[in-house]
Protein backbone atom coordinates (compact mmCIF):
# COMPACT_ATOMS: atom_id res chain seq x y z
CA MET A 1 85.19 154.62 86.49
CA LYS A 2 88.28 155.69 88.61
CA GLU A 3 86.22 155.28 91.71
CA LEU A 4 85.15 151.65 90.41
CA LYS A 5 88.84 150.89 89.93
CA GLU A 6 89.72 152.07 93.25
CA THR A 7 87.00 150.01 94.91
CA VAL A 8 88.07 146.87 93.10
CA LYS A 9 91.64 147.53 94.22
CA THR A 10 90.62 148.02 97.84
CA LYS A 11 88.77 144.81 97.83
CA GLU A 12 91.53 142.82 96.24
CA LYS A 13 93.78 144.44 98.93
CA GLY A 14 91.22 143.79 101.77
CA PHE A 15 91.21 140.03 100.46
CA LEU A 16 95.08 139.59 100.16
CA SER A 17 95.40 141.31 103.81
CA ILE A 18 93.06 138.60 104.97
CA ILE A 19 94.77 135.62 103.57
CA TYR A 20 98.12 137.15 104.68
CA ASP A 21 96.78 137.67 108.28
CA LEU A 22 95.39 134.24 108.16
CA PHE A 23 98.73 132.50 107.24
CA ARG A 24 100.80 134.32 109.60
CA SER A 25 98.43 133.69 112.64
CA LEU A 26 99.84 131.60 115.46
CA LYS A 27 96.48 130.01 115.94
CA LEU A 28 96.87 128.36 112.42
CA THR A 29 100.41 127.17 113.42
CA ILE A 30 99.01 125.58 116.66
CA ALA A 31 96.04 123.99 114.87
CA LEU A 32 98.21 122.59 111.98
CA LEU A 33 100.70 121.15 114.58
CA ILE A 34 97.93 119.64 116.45
CA LEU A 35 96.47 118.11 113.30
CA LEU A 36 99.71 116.73 112.24
CA ALA A 37 100.04 115.11 115.87
CA LEU A 38 96.51 113.45 115.79
CA LEU A 39 97.40 112.17 112.01
CA SER A 40 100.68 110.73 113.33
CA ILE A 41 98.63 108.90 116.01
CA ILE A 42 96.28 107.57 113.37
CA GLY A 43 99.08 106.54 111.42
CA THR A 44 100.73 104.61 114.10
CA LEU A 45 97.52 102.81 115.10
CA ILE A 46 96.59 101.93 111.46
CA ALA A 47 99.43 99.72 109.87
CA GLN A 48 100.74 101.52 106.73
CA ASN A 49 101.36 99.67 103.48
CA ALA A 50 100.06 96.33 104.36
CA SER A 51 98.42 93.81 102.07
CA ARG A 52 94.78 94.23 101.20
CA MET A 53 93.78 90.94 102.62
CA GLU A 54 95.15 91.89 106.11
CA TYR A 55 93.29 95.19 106.04
CA ILE A 56 89.81 93.40 104.85
CA GLN A 57 90.38 90.80 107.78
CA ARG A 58 91.21 93.45 110.42
CA TYR A 59 88.49 95.95 109.47
CA GLY A 60 85.94 94.19 107.48
CA ILE A 61 85.08 95.28 103.73
CA GLY A 62 83.11 97.97 104.33
CA LEU A 63 85.44 99.89 106.84
CA TYR A 64 88.35 98.90 104.61
CA GLU A 65 86.47 100.70 101.71
CA VAL A 66 85.97 103.86 103.73
CA LEU A 67 89.50 104.06 104.90
CA ASN A 68 91.01 103.43 101.52
CA PHE A 69 89.03 106.12 99.99
CA PHE A 70 90.63 108.33 102.58
CA ASN A 71 94.17 106.89 101.63
CA LEU A 72 94.70 106.18 105.48
CA PHE A 73 96.60 103.06 104.48
CA ASP A 74 99.54 105.18 102.99
CA MET A 75 98.59 108.43 104.41
CA TYR A 76 102.22 109.95 104.60
CA HIS A 77 102.24 109.77 100.76
CA SER A 78 98.72 111.13 100.37
CA LEU A 79 97.91 114.45 98.62
CA TRP A 80 95.92 115.80 101.42
CA PHE A 81 98.87 114.96 103.85
CA SER A 82 101.12 116.79 101.72
CA ALA A 83 98.85 119.86 101.55
CA ILE A 84 98.85 119.98 105.32
CA LEU A 85 102.60 120.16 105.25
CA LEU A 86 102.53 122.84 102.58
CA LEU A 87 100.09 124.72 104.65
CA LEU A 88 102.61 124.66 107.62
CA VAL A 89 105.38 125.64 105.44
CA ILE A 90 103.57 128.65 104.06
CA ASN A 91 102.42 129.55 107.78
CA LEU A 92 106.10 129.42 108.91
CA ILE A 93 107.62 131.33 105.91
CA THR A 94 104.50 133.89 106.33
CA CYS A 95 105.34 134.23 110.07
CA SER A 96 109.10 134.65 109.62
CA THR A 97 108.85 137.28 107.03
CA HIS A 98 106.46 139.39 108.92
CA ARG A 99 108.80 139.43 111.92
CA LEU A 100 112.17 139.58 110.34
CA PRO A 101 112.21 143.23 109.40
CA GLY A 102 111.60 144.15 112.89
CA ILE A 103 114.21 141.85 114.18
CA PHE A 104 116.81 142.88 111.75
CA SER A 105 115.79 146.41 112.65
CA GLN A 106 116.36 145.87 116.34
CA ILE A 107 119.60 144.11 115.60
CA SER A 108 121.05 146.79 113.14
CA ARG A 109 120.04 149.90 114.85
CA GLY A 110 123.05 151.68 116.53
CA SER A 111 123.03 153.29 120.11
CA GLY A 112 121.99 156.89 120.55
CA GLU A 113 121.53 159.37 122.99
CA LEU A 114 119.25 158.46 125.98
CA GLU A 115 116.42 161.04 125.42
CA ASP A 116 113.44 161.74 127.81
CA GLY A 117 111.06 160.39 125.44
CA MET A 118 112.60 157.11 125.72
CA LEU A 119 112.23 156.63 129.27
CA LYS A 120 108.64 156.05 129.34
CA GLY A 121 108.98 152.93 127.00
CA LEU A 122 111.95 151.30 128.95
CA PRO A 123 111.13 149.10 131.88
CA TYR A 124 114.06 149.70 134.20
CA VAL A 125 114.69 153.48 134.76
CA GLU A 126 116.67 154.76 137.92
CA LYS A 127 117.96 158.27 138.57
CA VAL A 128 120.97 158.95 140.93
CA GLN A 129 121.73 162.26 142.34
CA ILE A 130 125.50 162.79 142.45
CA ARG A 131 127.73 165.82 142.95
CA ASP A 132 130.15 166.72 139.90
CA PRO A 133 129.34 163.57 137.66
CA THR A 134 131.33 165.08 135.03
CA ASN A 135 134.75 164.63 136.87
CA LYS A 136 133.48 160.99 138.16
CA GLY A 137 132.73 160.00 134.61
CA GLU A 138 135.85 157.81 134.15
CA ASN A 139 134.99 156.17 137.40
CA ILE A 140 131.32 155.55 136.47
CA HIS A 141 132.79 153.90 133.12
CA SER A 142 135.15 151.73 135.12
CA SER A 143 132.48 150.66 137.45
CA LEU A 144 130.10 149.92 134.62
CA LYS A 145 132.48 147.51 132.98
CA LYS A 146 132.01 145.01 135.79
CA TRP A 147 128.74 144.02 134.47
CA PHE A 148 128.92 144.99 130.77
CA LYS A 149 132.67 144.82 129.02
CA SER A 150 132.06 147.01 125.99
CA TRP A 151 130.46 150.39 126.14
CA ARG A 152 129.95 153.12 123.57
CA ARG A 153 130.30 156.68 124.38
CA ILE A 154 128.12 159.22 122.74
CA GLU A 155 128.74 162.82 123.77
CA THR A 156 126.68 166.10 123.08
CA GLU A 157 126.77 169.57 124.32
CA LYS A 158 124.81 168.96 127.58
CA THR A 159 125.29 165.02 128.19
CA ILE A 160 127.66 161.98 127.83
CA THR A 161 125.67 158.83 127.22
CA LEU A 162 126.98 155.53 127.78
CA TYR A 163 125.47 152.56 125.88
CA SER A 164 126.06 148.78 126.15
CA GLU A 165 124.20 145.80 124.81
CA LYS A 166 124.78 141.99 124.52
CA GLY A 167 123.04 139.06 123.02
CA LYS A 168 121.44 141.25 120.17
CA TYR A 169 121.66 138.22 117.92
CA SER A 170 119.62 136.11 120.45
CA ARG A 171 116.67 137.49 118.70
CA LEU A 172 117.38 135.23 115.69
CA GLY A 173 116.62 132.34 117.74
CA VAL A 174 112.78 132.00 116.53
CA PRO A 175 113.68 132.64 112.84
CA ILE A 176 116.57 129.99 113.35
CA THR A 177 113.93 127.36 114.72
CA HIS A 178 111.40 128.41 112.06
CA LEU A 179 114.01 127.59 109.32
CA SER A 180 115.20 124.34 110.88
CA ILE A 181 111.49 123.08 110.67
CA LEU A 182 111.41 124.05 107.08
CA ILE A 183 114.71 122.26 106.46
CA ILE A 184 113.21 119.04 108.39
CA LEU A 185 110.24 119.38 106.18
CA ILE A 186 112.20 119.51 102.93
CA GLY A 187 114.27 116.67 103.91
CA GLY A 188 111.11 114.57 104.80
CA ILE A 189 109.74 115.46 101.39
CA ILE A 190 113.11 114.74 99.52
CA GLY A 191 113.13 111.24 101.21
CA SER A 192 109.37 110.72 100.69
CA LEU A 193 109.92 111.43 96.80
CA TYR A 194 113.24 109.85 96.13
CA GLY A 195 113.75 107.17 98.80
CA PHE A 196 111.94 103.81 99.78
CA ARG A 197 111.63 101.19 102.60
CA GLY A 198 111.53 97.63 101.58
CA HIS A 199 112.53 94.16 102.76
CA VAL A 200 114.12 90.81 101.65
CA GLU A 201 114.58 87.49 102.98
CA ILE A 202 117.72 85.73 102.05
CA LEU A 203 118.47 81.97 102.65
CA LYS A 204 122.03 81.06 103.82
CA GLY A 205 124.12 80.96 100.71
CA GLU A 206 121.47 82.73 98.44
CA THR A 207 122.25 85.89 96.49
CA VAL A 208 119.81 88.53 95.64
CA ASN A 209 119.60 91.69 93.35
CA GLN A 210 116.26 93.10 94.34
CA VAL A 211 114.07 94.00 97.30
CA TYR A 212 110.57 94.20 97.81
CA LEU A 213 108.28 97.18 98.57
CA ARG A 214 105.03 96.56 100.67
CA THR A 215 101.73 97.87 99.23
CA LYS A 216 98.10 96.99 99.82
CA ASP A 217 97.99 95.11 96.51
CA GLY A 218 101.02 92.94 97.65
CA ASP A 219 104.78 92.93 97.62
CA VAL A 220 106.32 94.67 94.53
CA PRO A 221 109.97 93.81 93.36
CA LYS A 222 112.52 96.75 93.06
CA PRO A 223 115.84 96.00 91.43
CA ILE A 224 118.88 97.24 93.09
CA ASP A 225 122.38 98.12 91.43
CA PHE A 226 124.15 95.25 92.99
CA SER A 227 123.84 91.84 94.63
CA VAL A 228 123.71 90.78 98.13
CA ARG A 229 124.92 87.35 99.24
CA CYS A 230 124.13 85.84 102.77
CA ASP A 231 127.38 83.99 103.74
CA ASP A 232 126.18 83.04 107.22
CA PHE A 233 123.28 83.59 109.75
CA LYS A 234 123.59 82.99 113.38
CA VAL A 235 121.04 83.00 116.32
CA ASN A 236 122.61 83.24 119.76
CA TYR A 237 120.61 82.22 122.94
CA TYR A 238 120.92 83.25 126.63
CA ASN A 239 122.40 80.23 128.64
CA LEU A 240 119.42 79.88 131.10
CA PRO A 241 118.17 76.79 132.72
CA GLY A 242 115.02 75.01 131.36
CA LYS A 243 113.85 74.04 128.15
CA GLU A 244 112.61 77.25 127.07
CA LYS A 245 115.18 79.17 124.68
CA TYR A 246 115.39 82.91 124.81
CA VAL A 247 117.10 84.79 121.85
CA LYS A 248 120.01 87.21 122.64
CA ASP A 249 120.88 88.33 119.25
CA TYR A 250 121.03 87.46 115.64
CA THR A 251 123.42 88.35 112.99
CA SER A 252 124.09 88.16 109.21
CA LEU A 253 127.30 87.95 107.50
CA LEU A 254 126.63 89.74 104.01
CA SER A 255 128.72 90.24 101.06
CA ILE A 256 128.17 92.95 98.24
CA LEU A 257 128.75 91.77 94.69
CA GLU A 258 129.27 93.67 91.61
CA ASN A 259 130.05 92.31 88.37
CA GLY A 260 130.47 88.97 90.30
CA LYS A 261 133.26 90.34 92.58
CA GLN A 262 133.10 90.75 96.19
CA VAL A 263 133.43 94.34 97.11
CA LEU A 264 132.35 94.44 100.61
CA LYS A 265 131.81 92.07 103.51
CA SER A 266 130.24 92.99 106.70
CA THR A 267 128.30 91.59 109.70
CA VAL A 268 124.93 92.87 110.33
CA GLN A 269 123.23 92.99 113.41
CA VAL A 270 120.41 94.82 115.19
CA ASN A 271 121.01 98.64 115.24
CA HIS A 272 124.08 98.28 113.38
CA PRO A 273 123.27 98.26 109.76
CA LEU A 274 125.31 97.89 106.59
CA HIS A 275 125.70 100.90 104.32
CA TYR A 276 126.40 100.74 100.67
CA LYS A 277 125.38 103.16 97.78
CA ARG A 278 122.97 105.15 99.97
CA LEU A 279 121.15 101.96 100.94
CA ALA A 280 121.01 100.54 104.35
CA PHE A 281 120.42 96.95 105.27
CA TYR A 282 119.08 96.57 108.85
CA GLN A 283 118.74 93.15 110.61
CA ALA A 284 114.99 93.16 111.11
CA SER A 285 113.88 89.30 111.52
CA TYR A 286 114.78 85.75 110.88
CA GLY A 287 112.93 82.61 110.27
CA THR A 288 112.65 79.12 108.80
CA LEU A 289 111.53 78.60 105.24
CA SER A 290 110.00 75.31 104.41
CA ASP A 291 110.09 73.41 101.29
CA VAL A 292 106.95 71.07 101.29
CA THR A 293 106.61 67.86 99.33
CA ILE A 294 102.97 66.84 98.65
CA GLY A 295 101.95 63.43 96.94
CA ILE A 296 99.09 63.52 94.54
CA GLN A 297 97.46 60.22 93.56
CA TRP A 298 94.66 60.12 91.07
CA LYS A 299 91.57 57.64 91.86
CA GLY A 300 91.75 54.53 89.81
CA LYS A 301 95.69 55.14 89.39
CA LYS A 302 98.76 53.47 91.29
CA GLU A 303 101.07 56.01 90.22
CA LYS A 304 101.83 58.79 92.62
CA SER A 305 103.21 62.33 91.61
CA THR A 306 104.83 64.69 93.94
CA LEU A 307 104.95 68.37 94.15
CA GLU A 308 107.55 70.49 95.73
CA ALA A 309 106.69 74.14 96.95
CA GLN A 310 107.61 76.72 99.54
CA GLU A 311 105.46 77.83 102.23
CA GLY A 312 103.24 80.62 100.95
CA ALA A 313 103.54 79.54 97.24
CA THR A 314 100.79 78.74 94.89
CA ILE A 315 101.14 76.00 92.37
CA ALA A 316 99.01 74.19 89.76
CA ILE A 317 98.14 70.52 90.06
CA PRO A 318 99.15 68.78 86.68
CA ASN A 319 96.54 67.77 84.22
CA SER A 320 93.75 69.94 85.99
CA ASN A 321 92.54 73.55 86.30
CA ILE A 322 93.01 73.22 90.28
CA LEU A 323 95.48 75.30 92.17
CA ILE A 324 97.13 74.49 95.58
CA ARG A 325 98.62 76.99 97.91
CA ILE A 326 100.91 76.00 100.78
CA LEU A 327 99.96 78.02 103.64
CA LYS A 328 102.12 76.67 106.54
CA TYR A 329 103.93 73.88 107.87
CA ALA A 330 103.37 72.78 111.52
CA PRO A 331 105.70 70.29 113.47
CA GLN A 332 102.76 69.37 115.66
CA VAL A 333 99.00 69.72 114.78
CA ASP A 334 96.75 68.94 117.88
CA ASN A 335 99.06 65.93 118.94
CA PHE A 336 98.66 64.27 115.65
CA GLY A 337 102.32 64.80 114.47
CA GLU A 338 103.59 66.75 111.42
CA GLY A 339 101.22 68.34 109.08
CA VAL A 340 100.77 71.15 106.63
CA GLN A 341 97.84 73.31 105.85
CA VAL A 342 96.92 73.89 102.27
CA VAL A 343 94.19 75.56 100.26
CA LEU A 344 92.50 74.41 97.19
CA PHE A 345 91.25 76.52 94.42
CA ARG A 346 88.67 75.48 91.85
CA PRO A 347 87.14 77.69 89.20
CA GLY A 348 83.92 79.09 90.41
CA GLN A 349 84.26 77.71 93.82
CA GLU A 350 84.87 78.71 97.07
CA PRO A 351 88.50 78.04 98.45
CA GLN A 352 88.86 74.66 100.38
CA PRO A 353 91.39 74.73 103.20
CA LEU A 354 92.55 71.45 104.69
CA TRP A 355 95.29 69.97 106.74
CA LEU A 356 97.43 67.03 105.54
CA LEU A 357 98.64 64.95 108.06
CA LYS A 358 101.98 62.83 107.62
CA ASN A 359 100.92 60.08 110.08
CA PHE A 360 97.19 59.89 109.15
CA SER A 361 97.33 60.00 105.42
CA LYS A 362 94.28 57.90 105.07
CA LEU A 363 91.91 60.79 106.39
CA ASN A 364 92.25 62.81 103.25
CA GLU A 365 90.27 60.02 101.40
CA GLN A 366 87.05 61.00 103.41
CA ARG A 367 86.83 64.04 101.14
CA GLY A 368 85.56 61.88 98.36
CA ASP A 369 87.62 63.91 95.92
CA GLN A 370 88.99 62.84 92.53
CA PHE A 371 92.48 62.73 93.78
CA LEU A 372 94.14 62.06 97.26
CA LEU A 373 96.70 64.58 98.73
CA THR A 374 99.31 63.48 101.12
CA PHE A 375 102.16 65.05 103.20
CA GLU A 376 105.43 63.32 102.07
CA GLY A 377 107.71 65.60 103.96
CA VAL A 378 109.49 68.95 104.46
CA THR A 379 113.00 70.34 104.40
CA SER A 380 113.70 73.32 106.26
CA GLN A 381 116.44 76.31 105.82
CA GLU A 382 116.84 79.38 107.92
CA TYR A 383 116.60 82.75 106.34
CA THR A 384 117.61 86.46 107.34
CA GLY A 385 114.96 89.03 107.15
CA LEU A 386 116.43 92.60 106.34
CA GLN A 387 114.95 95.80 106.15
CA VAL A 388 116.25 97.89 103.26
CA THR A 389 115.79 101.69 103.31
CA LYS A 390 117.04 104.59 101.17
CA ASP A 391 116.55 107.96 102.25
CA PRO A 392 118.50 110.87 100.52
CA GLY A 393 116.94 113.43 102.74
CA VAL A 394 117.95 112.02 106.02
CA TRP A 395 120.98 114.15 106.18
CA VAL A 396 119.04 117.19 105.39
CA VAL A 397 116.85 116.21 108.27
CA TRP A 398 119.87 115.87 110.54
CA ILE A 399 121.00 119.37 109.42
CA GLY A 400 117.55 120.73 110.33
CA CYS A 401 117.58 118.96 113.83
CA GLY A 402 120.92 120.47 114.59
CA LEU A 403 119.92 123.80 113.57
CA MET A 404 116.71 123.56 115.73
CA ILE A 405 118.65 122.60 118.66
CA PHE A 406 121.06 125.73 118.07
CA GLY A 407 118.01 128.01 117.45
CA LEU A 408 116.08 126.64 120.71
CA ILE A 409 119.49 127.25 122.70
CA VAL A 410 119.72 130.85 121.27
CA SER A 411 115.95 131.49 122.13
CA PHE A 412 115.80 130.38 125.65
CA PHE A 413 119.26 130.80 126.98
CA PHE A 414 120.32 134.09 125.64
CA SER A 415 118.70 137.40 126.37
CA HIS A 416 119.05 140.69 124.49
CA GLN A 417 120.06 143.25 127.07
CA ARG A 418 120.74 146.89 126.77
CA VAL A 419 121.86 149.63 129.15
CA TRP A 420 122.14 153.35 128.89
CA VAL A 421 123.70 155.59 131.40
CA ARG A 422 123.16 159.47 130.89
CA ILE A 423 125.54 161.63 132.76
CA PRO A 424 125.16 165.47 132.67
CA LYS A 425 128.03 167.81 131.96
CA GLY A 426 128.53 170.56 134.41
CA PRO A 427 128.09 170.55 138.31
CA GLY A 428 124.93 169.03 139.84
CA GLY A 429 122.20 167.13 137.87
CA GLU A 430 121.41 163.53 138.12
CA ILE A 431 122.74 160.48 136.47
CA VAL A 432 119.90 158.44 134.51
CA LEU A 433 120.29 154.71 134.19
CA ALA A 434 118.04 152.74 131.85
CA GLY A 435 117.73 149.26 130.59
CA SER A 436 115.79 146.68 128.79
CA ALA A 437 115.77 142.82 128.39
CA ASN A 438 113.59 140.55 126.24
CA LYS A 439 114.01 137.54 128.42
CA ASN A 440 115.25 136.60 131.65
CA ARG A 441 114.09 139.73 133.13
CA LEU A 442 114.39 138.69 136.75
CA GLY A 443 118.23 137.96 136.12
CA PHE A 444 118.46 141.31 134.15
CA GLU A 445 116.93 143.04 137.10
CA LYS A 446 119.43 141.97 139.48
CA THR A 447 122.12 142.83 137.31
CA PHE A 448 120.56 146.42 136.86
CA GLY A 449 120.15 146.89 140.51
CA GLU A 450 123.75 146.08 141.04
CA LEU A 451 124.89 148.42 138.42
CA VAL A 452 122.72 151.25 140.10
CA HIS A 453 124.13 150.37 143.26
CA GLY A 454 127.75 150.83 142.11
CA VAL A 455 127.00 154.21 140.61
CA ARG A 456 125.22 155.28 143.88
CA SER A 457 128.49 154.30 145.74
CA LEU A 458 130.54 156.55 143.80
CA GLU A 459 129.06 159.46 145.74
CA LYS A 460 130.71 158.32 148.98
CA GLN A 461 134.21 158.36 147.28
């Protein structure tokens, strides 16, 4: 029975050891980073959080269903993407915990006597024959301070060992870099869970208290704790010859209102957002919003009624079960003048698109429908398009980025260097110099050579 239990424990230990070795593997780290890079490319090529109709028009219904099944239209919030990030987090933690004991041991261990057994494991060892080394100990010590400022003295019955090191904390560069990646991932997760990215279009003089989040099922309104008013909007053009106009910049003058009172007023332009209550308003776009007037005249009746709607709106035709959607207004339709494109929706029938031309209203009679549609006019207003973001994890990410830069500087530009000089007591004998460096070994080899040369030159004094 005891042998069976021991066998089970051995198998469990072996399984856990395999899992531990897998998660501390550098190969797993590289594989996860490559996978995340490839997924980021896919996320760039496939527009995220667009509307369902846009995806179907671009990919077709079949490919849309496949891509939607794998949640590639909102991949950064998918469970499988979060699982990959979690694997990377576990991998980094496992690698760090595996290496940290050895790193702290190397940092905390003190200097000791340079024993003969240590010489085999040190990459740089030189022996210098010198007469009466004991009397020249102080001279040797002074000479060594040219290369290493701080030296420790370890004295035994037979020898005096001088020991110095610098850059011992440089070994923490890799764990610091690992920690910075974890902090960046945590900041990204915080932003993903508690932040959002939306948009809003505001007409000049209009006030809004909500923004819109793009999803594949359409724009979803999201209320905010205050109101935003567009006091003014301007588009500046380059002063160039010719009829073509090229936009130089565009700016919005926004006011923040709370309880009906103005609490902040600021000009927003590209790359210069307005920040208020952890929300950032970026100047993203601009355009013209057209209010279209359409006339409706039923057959056999002289009266004509009118409907007004904005571009993109869908309204019902009075006294019928027919809907009409205003697609877009065009100042010039194939040299026929002004026109508006609409779509008629009848129950159980395919949508019917058509153009209504202002100068050729009689053309619509050829449809033979029960009513006549005419384009009566349009009024246009400019609007400012703002991107609205909330990312509570952004400062965590910035802290992680700063820590990463610090960790990389420590890792690549600092070296842990150690030097021993063993001086025998009494006449005769040889001075043993030994050293090691974990990085920049060519530079350390030059320094070590100068140090040896300095000790050799003492023999001539």
